[in-house]
């Protein structure tokens, strides 16, 4: 297995870890544990940044992934992808 096939799994792991850390950060702030909350949220941002760097590098060096599903779902997928990109950017 070459590195190009492993990168999506690695980048997805980083964004999943980031989401888990954000949830932990929310729980900590609700418990009034401000310092712990700040540390966890910083790590959430770091893991999200690592995800973005890997994703960007893969897109630059490998290119975009082609749609592999049925044509009947391609429009729905592209609309979902557009909203995902806009919300992730915000």
Protein backbone atom coordinates (compact mmCIF):
# COMPACT_ATOMS: atom_id res chain seq x y z
CA UNK A 1 0.00 0.00 0.00
CA UNK A 2 1.51 3.32 -1.03
CA UNK A 3 1.44 6.57 0.94
CA UNK A 4 -1.22 8.11 -1.31
CA UNK A 5 -3.73 5.45 -0.27
CA UNK A 6 -2.94 5.86 3.42
CA UNK A 7 -3.20 9.67 3.55
CA UNK A 8 -7.02 9.82 3.49
CA UNK A 9 -7.23 7.47 6.50
CA UNK A 10 -4.60 9.46 8.38
CA UNK A 11 -6.23 12.81 7.65
CA UNK A 12 -9.67 11.47 8.56
CA UNK A 13 -8.24 10.20 11.85
CA UNK A 14 -6.96 13.67 12.67
CA UNK A 15 -10.30 15.37 12.01
CA UNK A 16 -12.11 12.68 14.03
CA UNK A 17 -9.69 13.23 16.93
CA UNK A 18 -10.32 16.97 16.62
CA UNK A 19 -14.10 16.44 16.86
CA UNK A 20 -13.67 14.25 19.93
CA UNK A 21 -11.42 16.86 21.55
CA UNK A 22 -13.97 19.60 20.84
CA UNK A 23 -16.68 17.51 22.55
CA UNK A 24 -14.38 17.00 25.53
CA UNK A 25 -13.65 20.73 25.56
CA UNK A 26 -17.37 21.53 25.69
CA UNK A 27 -17.83 19.12 28.60
CA UNK A 28 -14.92 20.71 30.44
CA UNK A 29 -16.20 24.26 30.03
CA UNK A 30 -19.63 23.18 31.27
CA UNK A 31 -17.87 21.87 34.37
CA UNK A 32 -16.15 25.28 34.73
CA UNK A 33 -12.70 23.76 34.10
CA UNK A 34 -11.42 26.66 32.04
CA UNK A 35 -7.70 25.82 31.90
CA UNK A 36 -8.33 22.21 30.90
CA UNK A 37 -10.87 23.43 28.34
CA UNK A 38 -8.33 25.80 26.78
CA UNK A 39 -5.66 23.10 26.52
CA UNK A 40 -8.04 20.59 24.96
CA UNK A 41 -9.40 23.16 22.50
CA UNK A 42 -5.87 24.13 21.44
CA UNK A 43 -5.14 20.46 20.73
CA UNK A 44 -8.42 20.22 18.81
CA UNK A 45 -7.29 23.14 16.65
CA UNK A 46 -3.84 21.59 16.15
CA UNK A 47 -5.29 18.25 15.02
CA UNK A 48 -7.73 20.06 12.70
CA UNK A 49 -4.81 21.99 11.22
CA UNK A 50 -2.85 18.76 10.69
CA UNK A 51 -5.91 17.33 8.92
CA UNK A 52 -6.08 20.38 6.68
CA UNK A 53 -2.37 20.28 5.83
CA UNK A 54 -2.53 16.59 4.90
CA UNK A 55 -5.73 17.13 2.91
CA UNK A 56 -4.28 20.13 1.09
CA UNK A 57 -0.99 18.32 0.33
CA UNK A 58 -2.85 15.31 -1.01
CA UNK A 59 -5.09 17.50 -3.17
CA UNK A 60 -2.09 19.40 -4.56
CA UNK A 61 0.13 16.39 -5.23
CA UNK A 62 -2.42 13.66 -6.02
CA UNK A 63 -5.49 15.57 -7.15
CA UNK A 64 -9.17 15.31 -6.35
CA UNK A 65 -10.98 12.02 -5.94
CA UNK A 66 -13.41 11.22 -8.73
CA UNK A 67 -17.08 10.55 -7.94
CA UNK A 68 -17.43 6.77 -7.84
CA UNK A 69 -21.11 6.43 -7.09
CA UNK A 70 -24.16 6.18 -9.30
CA UNK A 71 -25.01 9.13 -11.55
CA UNK A 72 -28.42 9.46 -9.91
CA UNK A 73 -26.76 10.56 -6.64
CA UNK A 74 -24.01 12.75 -8.06
CA UNK A 75 -26.04 16.01 -7.87
CA UNK A 76 -27.09 15.32 -4.27
CA UNK A 77 -23.48 14.52 -3.39
CA UNK A 78 -22.16 17.71 -4.99
CA UNK A 79 -24.75 19.85 -3.15
CA UNK A 80 -23.79 18.18 0.14
CA UNK A 81 -20.10 18.69 -0.68
CA UNK A 82 -20.67 22.38 -1.41
CA UNK A 83 -22.36 22.93 1.96
CA UNK A 84 -19.65 20.90 3.68
CA UNK A 85 -16.90 23.02 2.12
CA UNK A 86 -18.63 26.30 3.02
CA UNK A 87 -19.30 25.23 6.63
CA UNK A 88 -15.80 23.80 7.10
CA UNK A 89 -14.32 27.05 5.81
CA UNK A 90 -16.44 29.14 8.14
